[in-house]
Amino acid sequence: MIKPIELVIFDCDGVLVDSERIAARVQVALGAELGWPLTEDEVVDRFIGRSHAAIREQVAARLGEETAATWSERFEQLHREAVDADLAPVEGLPEALDALTLPTCIASSGSHDKMRHTLGRTGLYERFAGRIFSATEVSHGKPAPDLFLHAARQMGVDPAACVVVEDSQPGVRAARAAGMRSFGYAGGLTPAARLEGPDTVIFYDMRTLSTLIAAR
């Protein structure tokens, strides 16, 4: 028997704040600068939805630890500058949050410092304060289930009664591994085909989210 939904777990980047386009642009620029030419599609496939540590591991395997350290430092700087200049909430997100009546939280691959910055710049931080969880709090980031299970545990909700809103392939895979239903937002960088799978509803407009959740 399917349990009624008691908690909506949001990813942050690309779901709440429209930051994945900024991150991809910065990663492409760094690849060109530091010796790993990447297309936007390759960045989406390799980096989007993964933790800072997982991305650094990939860069180190390709270019060495020293370059990986430089890449990480430069990314933090350039990403922060771009966020300050361009960041906005995902289109339709404020309306989606206003329409939801269920408890919510955030479970993101980003660090707490990064989320304080991006959510603060978009006026969303106070809507989730005290209910924000980071991959830095668990042993394994997405696509492992650890972060979503941690969020459910902290919120006191059975994983089977949680739904996840994600925009990345590692994210929807993590939700499935955690035994949670998911909503794959395909209005961003990740194509719908990469989000499709068991217990996952694909959608393109954040304004439809509350209706979709109510139907589950």
C-alpha atoms as a PDB file:
ATOM      1  CA  MET A   1       0.000   0.000   0.000  1.00  0.00           C
ATOM      2  CA  ILE A   2       1.347   3.437  -0.981  1.00  0.00           C
ATOM      3  CA  LYS A   3       1.809   5.724   2.023  1.00  0.00           C
ATOM      4  CA  PRO A   4       0.313   9.222   1.946  1.00  0.00           C
ATOM      5  CA  ILE A   5       2.908  11.943   1.392  1.00  0.00           C
ATOM      6  CA  GLU A   6       4.069  13.616   4.617  1.00  0.00           C
ATOM      7  CA  LEU A   7       7.210  15.461   3.467  1.00  0.00           C
ATOM      8  CA  VAL A   8       8.449  17.142   0.288  1.00  0.00           C
ATOM      9  CA  ILE A   9      12.259  17.138   0.018  1.00  0.00           C
ATOM     10  CA  PHE A  10      13.661  19.718  -2.386  1.00  0.00           C
ATOM     11  CA  ASP A  11      17.036  19.698  -4.040  1.00  0.00           C
ATOM     12  CA  CYS A  12      18.449  23.239  -4.109  1.00  0.00           C
ATOM     13  CA  ASP A  13      20.454  24.035  -7.251  1.00  0.00           C
ATOM     14  CA  GLY A  14      18.268  23.934 -10.343  1.00  0.00           C
ATOM     15  CA  VAL A  15      15.097  23.242  -8.329  1.00  0.00           C
ATOM     16  CA  LEU A  16      14.842  26.202  -5.950  1.00  0.00           C
ATOM     17  CA  VAL A  17      17.467  28.543  -7.393  1.00  0.00           C
ATOM     18  CA  ASP A  18      18.321  28.765 -11.069  1.00  0.00           C
ATOM     19  CA  SER A  19      22.010  28.190 -10.422  1.00  0.00           C
ATOM     20  CA  GLU A  20      22.785  25.118 -12.539  1.00  0.00           C
ATOM     21  CA  ARG A  21      23.103  27.233 -15.694  1.00  0.00           C
ATOM     22  CA  ILE A  22      25.572  29.471 -13.863  1.00  0.00           C
ATOM     23  CA  ALA A  23      27.528  26.469 -12.533  1.00  0.00           C
ATOM     24  CA  ALA A  24      27.685  24.819 -15.955  1.00  0.00           C
ATOM     25  CA  ARG A  25      28.900  28.030 -17.570  1.00  0.00           C
ATOM     26  CA  VAL A  26      31.635  28.397 -14.951  1.00  0.00           C
ATOM     27  CA  GLN A  27      32.709  24.737 -15.259  1.00  0.00           C
ATOM     28  CA  VAL A  28      32.979  25.000 -19.054  1.00  0.00           C
ATOM     29  CA  ALA A  29      35.132  28.135 -18.679  1.00  0.00           C
ATOM     30  CA  LEU A  30      37.386  26.471 -16.082  1.00  0.00           C
ATOM     31  CA  GLY A  31      37.810  23.394 -18.247  1.00  0.00           C
ATOM     32  CA  ALA A  32      38.982  25.553 -21.136  1.00  0.00           C
ATOM     33  CA  GLU A  33      41.333  27.470 -18.845  1.00  0.00           C
ATOM     34  CA  LEU A  34      42.835  24.511 -16.981  1.00  0.00           C
ATOM     35  CA  GLY A  35      43.145  21.848 -19.667  1.00  0.00           C
ATOM     36  CA  TRP A  36      39.936  19.812 -19.724  1.00  0.00           C
ATOM     37  CA  PRO A  37      37.728  21.079 -22.558  1.00  0.00           C
ATOM     38  CA  LEU A  38      34.101  20.305 -21.719  1.00  0.00           C
ATOM     39  CA  THR A  39      30.793  21.003 -23.424  1.00  0.00           C
ATOM     40  CA  GLU A  40      27.765  22.036 -21.394  1.00  0.00           C
ATOM     41  CA  ASP A  41      26.239  18.606 -22.021  1.00  0.00           C
ATOM     42  CA  GLU A  42      29.374  16.906 -20.662  1.00  0.00           C
ATOM     43  CA  VAL A  43      29.263  19.115 -17.564  1.00  0.00           C
ATOM     44  CA  VAL A  44      25.621  18.136 -16.999  1.00  0.00           C
ATOM     45  CA  ASP A  45      26.489  14.464 -17.372  1.00  0.00           C
ATOM     46  CA  ARG A  46      29.591  14.518 -15.154  1.00  0.00           C
ATOM     47  CA  PHE A  47      29.036  17.255 -12.557  1.00  0.00           C
ATOM     48  CA  ILE A  48      25.429  18.384 -12.167  1.00  0.00           C
ATOM     49  CA  GLY A  49      23.824  16.995  -9.020  1.00  0.00           C
ATOM     50  CA  ARG A  50      27.107  15.800  -7.543  1.00  0.00           C
ATOM     51  CA  SER A  51      28.884  17.084  -4.454  1.00  0.00           C
ATOM     52  CA  HIS A  52      31.875  19.432  -4.504  1.00  0.00           C
ATOM     53  CA  ALA A  53      34.068  16.551  -3.275  1.00  0.00           C
ATOM     54  CA  ALA A  54      32.883  14.213  -6.050  1.00  0.00           C
ATOM     55  CA  ILE A  55      33.586  16.828  -8.721  1.00  0.00           C
ATOM     56  CA  ARG A  56      37.031  17.507  -7.287  1.00  0.00           C
ATOM     57  CA  GLU A  57      37.808  13.772  -7.398  1.00  0.00           C
ATOM     58  CA  GLN A  58      36.967  13.674 -11.106  1.00  0.00           C
ATOM     59  CA  VAL A  59      39.152  16.695 -11.847  1.00  0.00           C
ATOM     60  CA  ALA A  60      42.039  15.242  -9.805  1.00  0.00           C
ATOM     61  CA  ALA A  61      41.827  11.921 -11.668  1.00  0.00           C
ATOM     62  CA  ARG A  62      42.030  13.791 -14.968  1.00  0.00           C
ATOM     63  CA  LEU A  63      44.413  16.678 -14.208  1.00  0.00           C
ATOM     64  CA  GLY A  64      46.071  15.938 -10.857  1.00  0.00           C
ATOM     65  CA  GLU A  65      45.537  17.122  -7.282  1.00  0.00           C
ATOM     66  CA  GLU A  66      47.207  20.517  -7.710  1.00  0.00           C
ATOM     67  CA  THR A  67      45.016  21.468 -10.649  1.00  0.00           C
ATOM     68  CA  ALA A  68      41.957  20.090  -8.876  1.00  0.00           C
ATOM     69  CA  ALA A  69      42.668  22.391  -5.926  1.00  0.00           C
ATOM     70  CA  THR A  70      43.019  25.369  -8.257  1.00  0.00           C
ATOM     71  CA  TRP A  71      39.825  24.390 -10.083  1.00  0.00           C
ATOM     72  CA  SER A  72      37.880  24.202  -6.805  1.00  0.00           C
ATOM     73  CA  GLU A  73      39.148  27.556  -5.582  1.00  0.00           C
ATOM     74  CA  ARG A  74      38.455  29.268  -8.905  1.00  0.00           C
ATOM     75  CA  PHE A  75      34.988  27.711  -9.100  1.00  0.00           C
ATOM     76  CA  GLU A  76      34.040  29.011  -5.652  1.00  0.00           C
ATOM     77  CA  GLN A  77      35.182  32.516  -6.588  1.00  0.00           C
ATOM     78  CA  LEU A  78      33.631  32.665 -10.063  1.00  0.00           C
ATOM     79  CA  HIS A  79      30.399  30.989  -8.999  1.00  0.00           C
ATOM     80  CA  ARG A  80      29.923  33.428  -6.117  1.00  0.00           C
ATOM     81  CA  GLU A  81      30.509  36.412  -8.411  1.00  0.00           C
ATOM     82  CA  ALA A  82      28.052  35.088 -11.002  1.00  0.00           C
ATOM     83  CA  VAL A  83      25.437  34.289  -8.349  1.00  0.00           C
ATOM     84  CA  ASP A  84      25.674  37.827  -6.989  1.00  0.00           C
ATOM     85  CA  ALA A  85      25.169  39.201 -10.494  1.00  0.00           C
ATOM     86  CA  ASP A  86      22.568  36.879 -12.042  1.00  0.00           C
ATOM     87  CA  LEU A  87      20.871  34.459  -9.651  1.00  0.00           C
ATOM     88  CA  ALA A  88      17.082  34.210  -9.414  1.00  0.00           C
ATOM     89  CA  PRO A  89      14.628  31.599  -8.137  1.00  0.00           C
ATOM     90  CA  VAL A  90      13.617  28.907 -10.626  1.00  0.00           C
ATOM     91  CA  GLU A  91      10.694  30.216 -12.667  1.00  0.00           C
ATOM     92  CA  GLY A  92       7.396  29.501 -10.918  1.00  0.00           C
ATOM     93  CA  LEU A  93       9.089  28.351  -7.707  1.00  0.00           C
ATOM     94  CA  PRO A  94       7.671  30.980  -5.324  1.00  0.00           C
ATOM     95  CA  GLU A  95       4.147  30.179  -6.548  1.00  0.00           C
ATOM     96  CA  ALA A  96       4.838  26.452  -6.129  1.00  0.00           C
ATOM     97  CA  LEU A  97       5.933  26.924  -2.515  1.00  0.00           C
ATOM     98  CA  ASP A  98       2.929  29.120  -1.746  1.00  0.00           C
ATOM     99  CA  ALA A  99       0.584  26.399  -3.049  1.00  0.00           C
ATOM    100  CA  LEU A 100       2.128  23.576  -0.997  1.00  0.00           C
ATOM    101  CA  THR A 101       0.541  22.700   2.345  1.00  0.00           C
ATOM    102  CA  LEU A 102       2.841  19.777   3.251  1.00  0.00           C
ATOM    103  CA  PRO A 103       6.015  20.094   5.353  1.00  0.00           C
ATOM    104  CA  THR A 104       9.156  20.753   3.284  1.00  0.00           C
ATOM    105  CA  CYS A 105      12.924  20.613   3.631  1.00  0.00           C
ATOM    106  CA  ILE A 106      16.051  20.850   1.466  1.00  0.00           C
ATOM    107  CA  ALA A 107      18.610  18.088   0.815  1.00  0.00           C
ATOM    108  CA  SER A 108      21.382  19.343  -1.461  1.00  0.00           C
ATOM    109  CA  SER A 109      24.800  18.309  -2.706  1.00  0.00           C
ATOM    110  CA  GLY A 110      25.918  21.884  -1.997  1.00  0.00           C
ATOM    111  CA  SER A 111      27.536  23.025   1.234  1.00  0.00           C
ATOM    112  CA  HIS A 112      25.674  24.998   3.892  1.00  0.00           C
ATOM    113  CA  ASP A 113      27.765  28.088   3.078  1.00  0.00           C
ATOM    114  CA  LYS A 114      26.823  27.842  -0.584  1.00  0.00           C
ATOM    115  CA  MET A 115      23.122  27.414   0.222  1.00  0.00           C
ATOM    116  CA  ARG A 116      23.139  30.307   2.679  1.00  0.00           C
ATOM    117  CA  HIS A 117      24.525  32.420  -0.130  1.00  0.00           C
ATOM    118  CA  THR A 118      22.269  31.272  -2.990  1.00  0.00           C
ATOM    119  CA  LEU A 119      19.072  30.974  -0.952  1.00  0.00           C
ATOM    120  CA  GLY A 120      19.848  34.265   0.772  1.00  0.00           C
ATOM    121  CA  ARG A 121      20.367  36.069  -2.546  1.00  0.00           C
ATOM    122  CA  THR A 122      16.955  34.869  -3.760  1.00  0.00           C
ATOM    123  CA  GLY A 123      15.009  35.510  -0.546  1.00  0.00           C
ATOM    124  CA  LEU A 124      14.351  31.810   0.037  1.00  0.00           C
ATOM    125  CA  TYR A 125      16.597  31.073   3.004  1.00  0.00           C
ATOM    126  CA  GLU A 126      14.098  31.993   5.719  1.00  0.00           C
ATOM    127  CA  ARG A 127      11.443  29.768   4.124  1.00  0.00           C
ATOM    128  CA  PHE A 128      13.626  26.717   4.889  1.00  0.00           C
ATOM    129  CA  ALA A 129      15.789  27.810   7.838  1.00  0.00           C
ATOM    130  CA  GLY A 130      16.326  24.908  10.245  1.00  0.00           C
ATOM    131  CA  ARG A 131      15.287  22.360   7.602  1.00  0.00           C
ATOM    132  CA  ILE A 132      18.318  22.460   5.302  1.00  0.00           C
ATOM    133  CA  PHE A 133      20.541  19.384   4.910  1.00  0.00           C
ATOM    134  CA  SER A 134      23.828  19.096   3.002  1.00  0.00           C
ATOM    135  CA  ALA A 135      25.823  16.232   1.529  1.00  0.00           C
ATOM    136  CA  THR A 136      28.628  17.373   3.839  1.00  0.00           C
ATOM    137  CA  GLU A 137      26.635  15.761   6.685  1.00  0.00           C
ATOM    138  CA  VAL A 138      26.736  12.207   5.268  1.00  0.00           C
ATOM    139  CA  SER A 139      29.353   9.714   4.115  1.00  0.00           C
ATOM    140  CA  HIS A 140      28.196   9.383   0.522  1.00  0.00           C
ATOM    141  CA  GLY A 141      26.568  11.993  -1.695  1.00  0.00           C
ATOM    142  CA  LYS A 142      24.042  11.451  -4.473  1.00  0.00           C
ATOM    143  CA  PRO A 143      23.409   9.039  -6.209  1.00  0.00           C
ATOM    144  CA  ALA A 144      23.747   7.195  -2.875  1.00  0.00           C
ATOM    145  CA  PRO A 145      20.592   7.433  -0.728  1.00  0.00           C
ATOM    146  CA  ASP A 146      22.398   8.696   2.389  1.00  0.00           C
ATOM    147  CA  LEU A 147      21.421  12.367   2.167  1.00  0.00           C
ATOM    148  CA  PHE A 148      17.712  11.791   1.560  1.00  0.00           C
ATOM    149  CA  LEU A 149      17.547   9.185   4.318  1.00  0.00           C
ATOM    150  CA  HIS A 150      19.329  11.618   6.647  1.00  0.00           C
ATOM    151  CA  ALA A 151      16.817  14.363   5.814  1.00  0.00           C
ATOM    152  CA  ALA A 152      13.856  12.047   6.411  1.00  0.00           C
ATOM    153  CA  ARG A 153      15.335  10.888   9.720  1.00  0.00           C
ATOM    154  CA  GLN A 154      15.948  14.459  10.907  1.00  0.00           C
ATOM    155  CA  MET A 155      12.408  15.436   9.923  1.00  0.00           C
ATOM    156  CA  GLY A 156      10.955  12.352  11.646  1.00  0.00           C
ATOM    157  CA  VAL A 157       9.258  10.975   8.520  1.00  0.00           C
ATOM    158  CA  ASP A 158       9.288   7.445   7.077  1.00  0.00           C
ATOM    159  CA  PRO A 159      11.191   7.453   3.745  1.00  0.00           C
ATOM    160  CA  ALA A 160       8.184   5.798   2.088  1.00  0.00           C
ATOM    161  CA  ALA A 161       6.123   8.888   2.985  1.00  0.00           C
ATOM    162  CA  CYS A 162       8.609  11.299   1.386  1.00  0.00           C
ATOM    163  CA  VAL A 163       8.726  12.675  -2.134  1.00  0.00           C
ATOM    164  CA  VAL A 164      11.793  14.297  -3.662  1.00  0.00           C
ATOM    165  CA  VAL A 165      11.890  17.150  -6.172  1.00  0.00           C
ATOM    166  CA  GLU A 166      15.055  16.833  -8.263  1.00  0.00           C
ATOM    167  CA  ASP A 167      16.529  18.073 -11.532  1.00  0.00           C
ATOM    168  CA  SER A 168      19.546  15.775 -11.889  1.00  0.00           C
ATOM    169  CA  GLN A 169      20.131  12.125 -12.717  1.00  0.00           C
ATOM    170  CA  PRO A 170      22.177  11.485  -9.543  1.00  0.00           C
ATOM    171  CA  GLY A 171      19.320  13.062  -7.583  1.00  0.00           C
ATOM    172  CA  VAL A 172      16.501  10.899  -8.927  1.00  0.00           C
ATOM    173  CA  ARG A 173      18.714   7.824  -8.596  1.00  0.00           C
ATOM    174  CA  ALA A 174      19.342   8.728  -4.945  1.00  0.00           C
ATOM    175  CA  ALA A 175      15.611   9.103  -4.338  1.00  0.00           C
ATOM    176  CA  ARG A 176      14.919   5.659  -5.808  1.00  0.00           C
ATOM    177  CA  ALA A 177      17.713   4.137  -3.726  1.00  0.00           C
ATOM    178  CA  ALA A 178      16.149   5.713  -0.634  1.00  0.00           C
ATOM    179  CA  GLY A 179      12.763   4.184  -1.425  1.00  0.00           C
ATOM    180  CA  MET A 180      11.205   7.577  -2.118  1.00  0.00           C
ATOM    181  CA  ARG A 181       8.980   8.747  -4.933  1.00  0.00           C
ATOM    182  CA  SER A 182      10.358  11.625  -6.985  1.00  0.00           C
ATOM    183  CA  PHE A 183       9.388  14.449  -9.285  1.00  0.00           C
ATOM    184  CA  GLY A 184      11.971  15.081 -11.984  1.00  0.00           C
ATOM    185  CA  TYR A 185      12.032  18.745 -13.040  1.00  0.00           C
ATOM    186  CA  ALA A 186      12.974  18.806 -16.720  1.00  0.00           C
ATOM    187  CA  GLY A 187      12.625  22.559 -17.188  1.00  0.00           C
ATOM    188  CA  GLY A 188      16.338  23.102 -16.545  1.00  0.00           C
ATOM    189  CA  LEU A 189      19.553  21.694 -18.008  1.00  0.00           C
ATOM    190  CA  THR A 190      19.009  17.947 -17.591  1.00  0.00           C
ATOM    191  CA  PRO A 191      16.970  16.334 -20.392  1.00  0.00           C
ATOM    192  CA  ALA A 192      13.820  14.479 -19.350  1.00  0.00           C
ATOM    193  CA  ALA A 193      15.218  11.183 -20.665  1.00  0.00           C
ATOM    194  CA  ARG A 194      17.964  11.267 -17.993  1.00  0.00           C
ATOM    195  CA  LEU A 195      15.411  11.708 -15.226  1.00  0.00           C
ATOM    196  CA  GLU A 196      12.907   9.041 -16.273  1.00  0.00           C
ATOM    197  CA  GLY A 197      12.605   5.838 -14.269  1.00  0.00           C
ATOM    198  CA  PRO A 198      10.574   3.978 -11.636  1.00  0.00           C
ATOM    199  CA  ASP A 199       8.492   6.055  -9.223  1.00  0.00           C
ATOM    200  CA  THR A 200       9.450   9.288 -10.992  1.00  0.00           C
ATOM    201  CA  VAL A 201       7.023  11.824 -12.463  1.00  0.00           C
ATOM    202  CA  ILE A 202       8.575  14.170 -15.050  1.00  0.00           C
ATOM    203  CA  PHE A 203       7.335  17.752 -15.117  1.00  0.00           C
ATOM    204  CA  TYR A 204       8.365  21.021 -16.770  1.00  0.00           C
ATOM    205  CA  ASP A 205       6.607  23.835 -14.902  1.00  0.00           C
ATOM    206  CA  MET A 206       7.083  24.432 -11.165  1.00  0.00           C
ATOM    207  CA  ARG A 207       3.619  25.945 -10.947  1.00  0.00           C
ATOM    208  CA  THR A 208       2.140  22.447 -11.511  1.00  0.00           C
ATOM    209  CA  LEU A 209       4.024  20.829  -8.625  1.00  0.00           C
ATOM    210  CA  SER A 210       1.374  21.070  -5.903  1.00  0.00           C
ATOM    211  CA  THR A 211      -1.258  19.565  -8.211  1.00  0.00           C
ATOM    212  CA  LEU A 212       1.072  16.722  -9.181  1.00  0.00           C
ATOM    213  CA  ILE A 213       1.902  15.989  -5.537  1.00  0.00           C
ATOM    214  CA  ALA A 214      -1.769  16.017  -4.565  1.00  0.00           C
ATOM    215  CA  ALA A 215      -2.410  13.407  -7.263  1.00  0.00           C
ATOM    216  CA  ARG A 216       0.186  11.050  -5.768  1.00  0.00           C
END
